[in-house]
Amino acid sequence: MDALLEREGKVESWNDNRLDELSGRVDNGFKEMREGFDRLDQAMREGFAEINGRIDRLMLTLLVAAIGIIGTLIGGAVF
């Protein structure tokens, strides 16, 4: 029992230092996590920008095709 009481003071100071170290590690972990989310957000923005460009080109192609088909139908009906 006396051995446990002797170590009690050492354990408290150890716990304080360990808790400070743990707090720092947790802060660093959250910082790394935020940086990872920032990289992911940037990658998603770039990916969506590429997809938007493809959709714009598809819409233009469909519009040109529709105008061509309508023009052909009108031209065939007139002649």
PDB file of N, CA and C in Angstrom:
ATOM      1  N   MET A   1       0.825  -1.194   0.000  1.00  0.00           N
ATOM      2  CA  MET A   1       0.000   0.000   0.000  1.00  0.00           C
ATOM      3  C   MET A   1       0.862   1.248   0.000  1.00  0.00           C
ATOM      4  N   ASP A   2       1.941   1.224   0.773  1.00  0.00           N
ATOM      5  CA  ASP A   2       2.835   2.380   0.811  1.00  0.00           C
ATOM      6  C   ASP A   2       3.479   2.624  -0.543  1.00  0.00           C
ATOM      7  N   ALA A   3       3.772   1.559  -1.255  1.00  0.00           N
ATOM      8  CA  ALA A   3       4.378   1.700  -2.580  1.00  0.00           C
ATOM      9  C   ALA A   3       3.422   2.430  -3.528  1.00  0.00           C
ATOM     10  N   LEU A   4       2.143   2.149  -3.408  1.00  0.00           N
ATOM     11  CA  LEU A   4       1.151   2.832  -4.255  1.00  0.00           C
ATOM     12  C   LEU A   4       1.054   4.317  -3.913  1.00  0.00           C
ATOM     13  N   LEU A   5       1.105   4.638  -2.632  1.00  0.00           N
ATOM     14  CA  LEU A   5       1.034   6.040  -2.227  1.00  0.00           C
ATOM     15  C   LEU A   5       2.251   6.823  -2.691  1.00  0.00           C
ATOM     16  N   GLU A   6       3.436   6.167  -2.691  1.00  0.00           N
ATOM     17  CA  GLU A   6       4.646   6.831  -3.167  1.00  0.00           C
ATOM     18  C   GLU A   6       4.526   7.157  -4.655  1.00  0.00           C
ATOM     19  N   ARG A   7       3.982   6.268  -5.392  1.00  0.00           N
ATOM     20  CA  ARG A   7       3.880   6.466  -6.843  1.00  0.00           C
ATOM     21  C   ARG A   7       2.748   7.418  -7.216  1.00  0.00           C
ATOM     22  N   GLU A   8       1.829   7.701  -6.320  1.00  0.00           N
ATOM     23  CA  GLU A   8       0.706   8.553  -6.644  1.00  0.00           C
ATOM     24  C   GLU A   8       1.162   9.943  -7.116  1.00  0.00           C
ATOM     25  N   GLY A   9       2.129  10.544  -6.433  1.00  0.00           N
ATOM     26  CA  GLY A   9       2.630  11.850  -6.849  1.00  0.00           C
ATOM     27  C   GLY A   9       3.273  11.799  -8.218  1.00  0.00           C
ATOM     28  N   LYS A  10       4.014  10.748  -8.478  1.00  0.00           N
ATOM     29  CA  LYS A  10       4.654  10.602  -9.788  1.00  0.00           C
ATOM     30  C   LYS A  10       3.620  10.392 -10.889  1.00  0.00           C
ATOM     31  N   VAL A  11       2.590   9.655 -10.591  1.00  0.00           N
ATOM     32  CA  VAL A  11       1.566   9.382 -11.586  1.00  0.00           C
ATOM     33  C   VAL A  11       0.829  10.669 -11.949  1.00  0.00           C
ATOM     34  N   GLU A  12       0.531  11.539 -10.985  1.00  0.00           N
ATOM     35  CA  GLU A  12      -0.167  12.778 -11.285  1.00  0.00           C
ATOM     36  C   GLU A  12       0.652  13.666 -12.218  1.00  0.00           C
ATOM     37  N   SER A  13       1.945  13.825 -11.943  1.00  0.00           N
ATOM     38  CA  SER A  13       2.756  14.663 -12.820  1.00  0.00           C
ATOM     39  C   SER A  13       2.925  13.987 -14.185  1.00  0.00           C
ATOM     40  N   TRP A  14       3.020  12.675 -14.172  1.00  0.00           N
ATOM     41  CA  TRP A  14       3.116  11.957 -15.440  1.00  0.00           C
ATOM     42  C   TRP A  14       1.838  12.165 -16.238  1.00  0.00           C
ATOM     43  N   ASN A  15       0.716  12.071 -15.583  1.00  0.00           N
ATOM     44  CA  ASN A  15      -0.555  12.255 -16.279  1.00  0.00           C
ATOM     45  C   ASN A  15      -0.681  13.658 -16.843  1.00  0.00           C
ATOM     46  N   ASP A  16      -0.256  14.678 -16.083  1.00  0.00           N
ATOM     47  CA  ASP A  16      -0.331  16.045 -16.599  1.00  0.00           C
ATOM     48  C   ASP A  16       0.519  16.203 -17.848  1.00  0.00           C
ATOM     49  N   ASN A  17       1.728  15.691 -17.818  1.00  0.00           N
ATOM     50  CA  ASN A  17       2.602  15.791 -18.995  1.00  0.00           C
ATOM     51  C   ASN A  17       2.035  14.979 -20.151  1.00  0.00           C
ATOM     52  N   ARG A  18       1.553  13.799 -19.830  1.00  0.00           N
ATOM     53  CA  ARG A  18       0.988  12.949 -20.879  1.00  0.00           C
ATOM     54  C   ARG A  18      -0.271  13.586 -21.473  1.00  0.00           C
ATOM     55  N   LEU A  19      -1.084  14.201 -20.616  1.00  0.00           N
ATOM     56  CA  LEU A  19      -2.278  14.866 -21.126  1.00  0.00           C
ATOM     57  C   LEU A  19      -1.907  16.049 -22.014  1.00  0.00           C
ATOM     58  N   ASP A  20      -0.876  16.790 -21.647  1.00  0.00           N
ATOM     59  CA  ASP A  20      -0.415  17.895 -22.491  1.00  0.00           C
ATOM     60  C   ASP A  20       0.073  17.368 -23.832  1.00  0.00           C
ATOM     61  N   GLU A  21       0.818  16.267 -23.776  1.00  0.00           N
ATOM     62  CA  GLU A  21       1.311  15.654 -25.012  1.00  0.00           C
ATOM     63  C   GLU A  21       0.146  15.152 -25.859  1.00  0.00           C
ATOM     64  N   LEU A  22      -0.819  14.510 -25.207  1.00  0.00           N
ATOM     65  CA  LEU A  22      -1.983  14.006 -25.926  1.00  0.00           C
ATOM     66  C   LEU A  22      -2.768  15.161 -26.545  1.00  0.00           C
ATOM     67  N   SER A  23      -2.925  16.240 -25.802  1.00  0.00           N
ATOM     68  CA  SER A  23      -3.641  17.401 -26.325  1.00  0.00           C
ATOM     69  C   SER A  23      -2.947  17.930 -27.580  1.00  0.00           C
ATOM     70  N   GLY A  24      -1.629  18.001 -27.554  1.00  0.00           N
ATOM     71  CA  GLY A  24      -0.882  18.453 -28.721  1.00  0.00           C
ATOM     72  C   GLY A  24      -1.041  17.517 -29.898  1.00  0.00           C
ATOM     73  N   ARG A  25      -1.008  16.217 -29.610  1.00  0.00           N
ATOM     74  CA  ARG A  25      -1.165  15.231 -30.683  1.00  0.00           C
ATOM     75  C   ARG A  25      -2.559  15.298 -31.286  1.00  0.00           C
ATOM     76  N   VAL A  26      -3.572  15.486 -30.444  1.00  0.00           N
ATOM     77  CA  VAL A  26      -4.944  15.593 -30.942  1.00  0.00           C
ATOM     78  C   VAL A  26      -5.079  16.851 -31.803  1.00  0.00           C
ATOM     79  N   ASP A  27      -4.506  17.962 -31.331  1.00  0.00           N
ATOM     80  CA  ASP A  27      -4.549  19.200 -32.121  1.00  0.00           C
ATOM     81  C   ASP A  27      -3.882  19.000 -33.476  1.00  0.00           C
ATOM     82  N   ASN A  28      -2.720  18.340 -33.482  1.00  0.00           N
ATOM     83  CA  ASN A  28      -2.026  18.073 -34.749  1.00  0.00           C
ATOM     84  C   ASN A  28      -2.852  17.159 -35.640  1.00  0.00           C
ATOM     85  N   GLY A  29      -3.507  16.179 -35.029  1.00  0.00           N
ATOM     86  CA  GLY A  29      -4.348  15.268 -35.808  1.00  0.00           C
ATOM     87  C   GLY A  29      -5.499  16.004 -36.472  1.00  0.00           C
ATOM     88  N   PHE A  30      -6.141  16.903 -35.727  1.00  0.00           N
ATOM     89  CA  PHE A  30      -7.228  17.677 -36.321  1.00  0.00           C
ATOM     90  C   PHE A  30      -6.704  18.619 -37.398  1.00  0.00           C
ATOM     91  N   LYS A  31      -5.515  19.164 -37.199  1.00  0.00           N
ATOM     92  CA  LYS A  31      -4.927  20.042 -38.210  1.00  0.00           C
ATOM     93  C   LYS A  31      -4.679  19.255 -39.501  1.00  0.00           C
ATOM     94  N   GLU A  32      -4.125  18.046 -39.366  1.00  0.00           N
ATOM     95  CA  GLU A  32      -3.888  17.200 -40.532  1.00  0.00           C
ATOM     96  C   GLU A  32      -5.202  16.814 -41.195  1.00  0.00           C
ATOM     97  N   MET A  33      -6.225  16.552 -40.386  1.00  0.00           N
ATOM     98  CA  MET A  33      -7.515  16.183 -40.933  1.00  0.00           C
ATOM     99  C   MET A  33      -8.109  17.355 -41.716  1.00  0.00           C
ATOM    100  N   ARG A  34      -8.014  18.571 -41.167  1.00  0.00           N
ATOM    101  CA  ARG A  34      -8.520  19.746 -41.878  1.00  0.00           C
ATOM    102  C   ARG A  34      -7.779  19.946 -43.202  1.00  0.00           C
ATOM    103  N   GLU A  35      -6.450  19.751 -43.171  1.00  0.00           N
ATOM    104  CA  GLU A  35      -5.671  19.888 -44.404  1.00  0.00           C
ATOM    105  C   GLU A  35      -6.100  18.844 -45.430  1.00  0.00           C
ATOM    106  N   GLY A  36      -6.373  17.636 -44.970  1.00  0.00           N
ATOM    107  CA  GLY A  36      -6.842  16.583 -45.871  1.00  0.00           C
ATOM    108  C   GLY A  36      -8.189  16.923 -46.487  1.00  0.00           C
ATOM    109  N   PHE A  37      -9.101  17.450 -45.667  1.00  0.00           N
ATOM    110  CA  PHE A  37     -10.397  17.863 -46.194  1.00  0.00           C
ATOM    111  C   PHE A  37     -10.249  19.010 -47.183  1.00  0.00           C
ATOM    112  N   ASP A  38      -9.327  19.930 -46.928  1.00  0.00           N
ATOM    113  CA  ASP A  38      -9.093  21.035 -47.857  1.00  0.00           C
ATOM    114  C   ASP A  38      -8.598  20.514 -49.201  1.00  0.00           C
ATOM    115  N   ARG A  39      -7.672  19.532 -49.163  1.00  0.00           N
ATOM    116  CA  ARG A  39      -7.184  18.936 -50.418  1.00  0.00           C
ATOM    117  C   ARG A  39      -8.314  18.217 -51.153  1.00  0.00           C
ATOM    118  N   LEU A  40      -9.150  17.519 -50.406  1.00  0.00           N
ATOM    119  CA  LEU A  40     -10.271  16.811 -51.012  1.00  0.00           C
ATOM    120  C   LEU A  40     -11.257  17.792 -51.635  1.00  0.00           C
ATOM    121  N   ASP A  41     -11.554  18.878 -50.937  1.00  0.00           N
ATOM    122  CA  ASP A  41     -12.456  19.895 -51.470  1.00  0.00           C
ATOM    123  C   ASP A  41     -11.905  20.484 -52.763  1.00  0.00           C
ATOM    124  N   GLN A  42     -10.611  20.770 -52.795  1.00  0.00           N
ATOM    125  CA  GLN A  42      -9.994  21.333 -54.002  1.00  0.00           C
ATOM    126  C   GLN A  42     -10.082  20.340 -55.160  1.00  0.00           C
ATOM    127  N   ALA A  43      -9.814  19.065 -54.882  1.00  0.00           N
ATOM    128  CA  ALA A  43      -9.890  18.042 -55.929  1.00  0.00           C
ATOM    129  C   ALA A  43     -11.320  17.911 -56.449  1.00  0.00           C
ATOM    130  N   MET A  44     -12.295  17.986 -55.546  1.00  0.00           N
ATOM    131  CA  MET A  44     -13.689  17.883 -55.981  1.00  0.00           C
ATOM    132  C   MET A  44     -14.086  19.088 -56.821  1.00  0.00           C
ATOM    133  N   ARG A  45     -13.620  20.285 -56.441  1.00  0.00           N
ATOM    134  CA  ARG A  45     -13.936  21.473 -57.235  1.00  0.00           C
ATOM    135  C   ARG A  45     -13.368  21.330 -58.651  1.00  0.00           C
ATOM    136  N   GLU A  46     -12.126  20.847 -58.744  1.00  0.00           N
ATOM    137  CA  GLU A  46     -11.512  20.665 -60.061  1.00  0.00           C
ATOM    138  C   GLU A  46     -12.259  19.616 -60.866  1.00  0.00           C
ATOM    139  N   GLY A  47     -12.663  18.529 -60.206  1.00  0.00           N
ATOM    140  CA  GLY A  47     -13.409  17.479 -60.899  1.00  0.00           C
ATOM    141  C   GLY A  47     -14.752  17.965 -61.389  1.00  0.00           C
ATOM    142  N   PHE A  48     -15.465  18.724 -60.553  1.00  0.00           N
ATOM    143  CA  PHE A  48     -16.758  19.254 -60.974  1.00  0.00           C
ATOM    144  C   PHE A  48     -16.606  20.276 -62.088  1.00  0.00           C
ATOM    145  N   ALA A  49     -15.534  21.046 -62.078  1.00  0.00           N
ATOM    146  CA  ALA A  49     -15.301  22.012 -63.155  1.00  0.00           C
ATOM    147  C   ALA A  49     -15.120  21.267 -64.476  1.00  0.00           C
ATOM    148  N   GLU A  50     -14.412  20.145 -64.442  1.00  0.00           N
ATOM    149  CA  GLU A  50     -14.216  19.346 -65.654  1.00  0.00           C
ATOM    150  C   GLU A  50     -15.542  18.758 -66.133  1.00  0.00           C
ATOM    151  N   ILE A  51     -16.334  18.262 -65.192  1.00  0.00           N
ATOM    152  CA  ILE A  51     -17.636  17.696 -65.555  1.00  0.00           C
ATOM    153  C   ILE A  51     -18.545  18.775 -66.133  1.00  0.00           C
ATOM    154  N   ASN A  52     -18.539  19.958 -65.537  1.00  0.00           N
ATOM    155  CA  ASN A  52     -19.347  21.060 -66.058  1.00  0.00           C
ATOM    156  C   ASN A  52     -18.940  21.415 -67.483  1.00  0.00           C
ATOM    157  N   GLY A  53     -17.645  21.406 -67.761  1.00  0.00           N
ATOM    158  CA  GLY A  53     -17.170  21.680 -69.117  1.00  0.00           C
ATOM    159  C   GLY A  53     -17.665  20.641 -70.105  1.00  0.00           C
ATOM    160  N   ARG A  54     -17.654  19.385 -69.699  1.00  0.00           N
ATOM    161  CA  ARG A  54     -18.136  18.315 -70.580  1.00  0.00           C
ATOM    162  C   ARG A  54     -19.632  18.450 -70.831  1.00  0.00           C
ATOM    163  N   ILE A  55     -20.373  18.772 -69.785  1.00  0.00           N
ATOM    164  CA  ILE A  55     -21.827  18.944 -69.949  1.00  0.00           C
ATOM    165  C   ILE A  55     -22.111  20.119 -70.880  1.00  0.00           C
ATOM    166  N   ASP A  56     -21.360  21.205 -70.758  1.00  0.00           N
ATOM    167  CA  ASP A  56     -21.540  22.361 -71.646  1.00  0.00           C
ATOM    168  C   ASP A  56     -21.288  21.976 -73.100  1.00  0.00           C
ATOM    169  N   ARG A  57     -20.228  21.198 -73.349  1.00  0.00           N
ATOM    170  CA  ARG A  57     -19.940  20.769 -74.726  1.00  0.00           C
ATOM    171  C   ARG A  57     -21.033  19.839 -75.251  1.00  0.00           C
ATOM    172  N   LEU A  58     -21.559  18.972 -74.387  1.00  0.00           N
ATOM    173  CA  LEU A  58     -22.638  18.071 -74.798  1.00  0.00           C
ATOM    174  C   LEU A  58     -23.894  18.857 -75.149  1.00  0.00           C
ATOM    175  N   MET A  59     -24.209  19.856 -74.319  1.00  0.00           N
ATOM    176  CA  MET A  59     -25.388  20.691 -74.594  1.00  0.00           C
ATOM    177  C   MET A  59     -25.237  21.408 -75.937  1.00  0.00           C
ATOM    178  N   LEU A  60     -24.053  21.924 -76.230  1.00  0.00           N
ATOM    179  CA  LEU A  60     -23.818  22.604 -77.497  1.00  0.00           C
ATOM    180  C   LEU A  60     -23.989  21.624 -78.660  1.00  0.00           C
ATOM    181  N   THR A  61     -23.455  20.425 -78.516  1.00  0.00           N
ATOM    182  CA  THR A  61     -23.583  19.411 -79.570  1.00  0.00           C
ATOM    183  C   THR A  61     -25.045  19.054 -79.796  1.00  0.00           C
ATOM    184  N   LEU A  62     -25.804  18.887 -78.726  1.00  0.00           N
ATOM    185  CA  LEU A  62     -27.225  18.563 -78.867  1.00  0.00           C
ATOM    186  C   LEU A  62     -27.996  19.709 -79.517  1.00  0.00           C
ATOM    187  N   LEU A  63     -27.654  20.926 -79.158  1.00  0.00           N
ATOM    188  CA  LEU A  63     -28.319  22.089 -79.740  1.00  0.00           C
ATOM    189  C   LEU A  63     -28.046  22.176 -81.244  1.00  0.00           C
ATOM    190  N   VAL A  64     -26.794  21.984 -81.636  1.00  0.00           N
ATOM    191  CA  VAL A  64     -26.435  22.033 -83.061  1.00  0.00           C
ATOM    192  C   VAL A  64     -27.136  20.901 -83.804  1.00  0.00           C
ATOM    193  N   ALA A  65     -27.180  19.711 -83.208  1.00  0.00           N
ATOM    194  CA  ALA A  65     -27.852  18.581 -83.853  1.00  0.00           C
ATOM    195  C   ALA A  65     -29.351  18.857 -83.990  1.00  0.00           C
ATOM    196  N   ALA A  66     -29.977  19.403 -82.952  1.00  0.00           N
ATOM    197  CA  ALA A  66     -31.417  19.701 -83.014  1.00  0.00           C
ATOM    198  C   ALA A  66     -31.700  20.736 -84.089  1.00  0.00           C
ATOM    199  N   ILE A  67     -30.882  21.784 -84.162  1.00  0.00           N
ATOM    200  CA  ILE A  67     -31.071  22.809 -85.198  1.00  0.00           C
ATOM    201  C   ILE A  67     -30.915  22.185 -86.589  1.00  0.00           C
ATOM    202  N   GLY A  68     -29.945  21.288 -86.748  1.00  0.00           N
ATOM    203  CA  GLY A  68     -29.752  20.613 -88.040  1.00  0.00           C
ATOM    204  C   GLY A  68     -30.939  19.743 -88.420  1.00  0.00           C
ATOM    205  N   ILE A  69     -31.473  19.006 -87.431  1.00  0.00           N
ATOM    206  CA  ILE A  69     -32.625  18.137 -87.728  1.00  0.00           C
ATOM    207  C   ILE A  69     -33.858  18.986 -88.058  1.00  0.00           C
ATOM    208  N   ILE A  70     -34.093  20.028 -87.281  1.00  0.00           N
ATOM    209  CA  ILE A  70     -35.248  20.907 -87.539  1.00  0.00           C
ATOM    210  C   ILE A  70     -35.096  21.570 -88.901  1.00  0.00           C
ATOM    211  N   GLY A  71     -33.905  22.020 -89.219  1.00  0.00           N
ATOM    212  CA  GLY A  71     -33.656  22.639 -90.532  1.00  0.00           C
ATOM    213  C   GLY A  71     -33.904  21.652 -91.652  1.00  0.00           C
ATOM    214  N   THR A  72     -33.504  20.427 -91.480  1.00  0.00           N
ATOM    215  CA  THR A  72     -33.702  19.402 -92.507  1.00  0.00           C
ATOM    216  C   THR A  72     -35.202  19.117 -92.669  1.00  0.00           C
ATOM    217  N   LEU A  73     -35.935  19.024 -91.562  1.00  0.00           N
ATOM    218  CA  LEU A  73     -37.363  18.764 -91.643  1.00  0.00           C
ATOM    219  C   LEU A  73     -38.099  19.916 -92.338  1.00  0.00           C
ATOM    220  N   ILE A  74     -37.739  21.137 -91.972  1.00  0.00           N
ATOM    221  CA  ILE A  74     -38.367  22.288 -92.608  1.00  0.00           C
ATOM    222  C   ILE A  74     -38.015  22.335 -94.096  1.00  0.00           C
ATOM    223  N   GLY A  75     -36.755  22.081 -94.418  1.00  0.00           N
ATOM    224  CA  GLY A  75     -36.324  22.088 -95.818  1.00  0.00           C
ATOM    225  C   GLY A  75     -37.010  21.003 -96.615  1.00  0.00           C
ATOM    226  N   GLY A  76     -37.210  19.829 -96.007  1.00  0.00           N
ATOM    227  CA  GLY A  76     -37.897  18.733 -96.712  1.00  0.00           C
ATOM    228  C   GLY A  76     -39.363  19.020 -96.893  1.00  0.00           C
ATOM    229  N   ALA A  77     -39.970  19.731 -95.939  1.00  0.00           N
ATOM    230  CA  ALA A  77     -41.399  20.041 -96.041  1.00  0.00           C
ATOM    231  C   ALA A  77     -41.654  21.115 -97.089  1.00  0.00           C
ATOM    232  N   VAL A  78     -40.719  22.032 -97.267  1.00  0.00           N
ATOM    233  CA  VAL A  78     -40.884  23.125 -98.213  1.00  0.00           C
ATOM    234  C   VAL A  78     -40.736  22.618 -99.652  1.00  0.00           C
ATOM    235  N   PHE A  79     -39.821  21.710 -99.861  1.00  0.00           N
ATOM    236  CA  PHE A  79     -39.571  21.247-101.241  1.00  0.00           C
ATOM    237  C   PHE A  79     -40.418  20.062-101.484  1.00  0.00           C
TER     238      PHE A  79
END
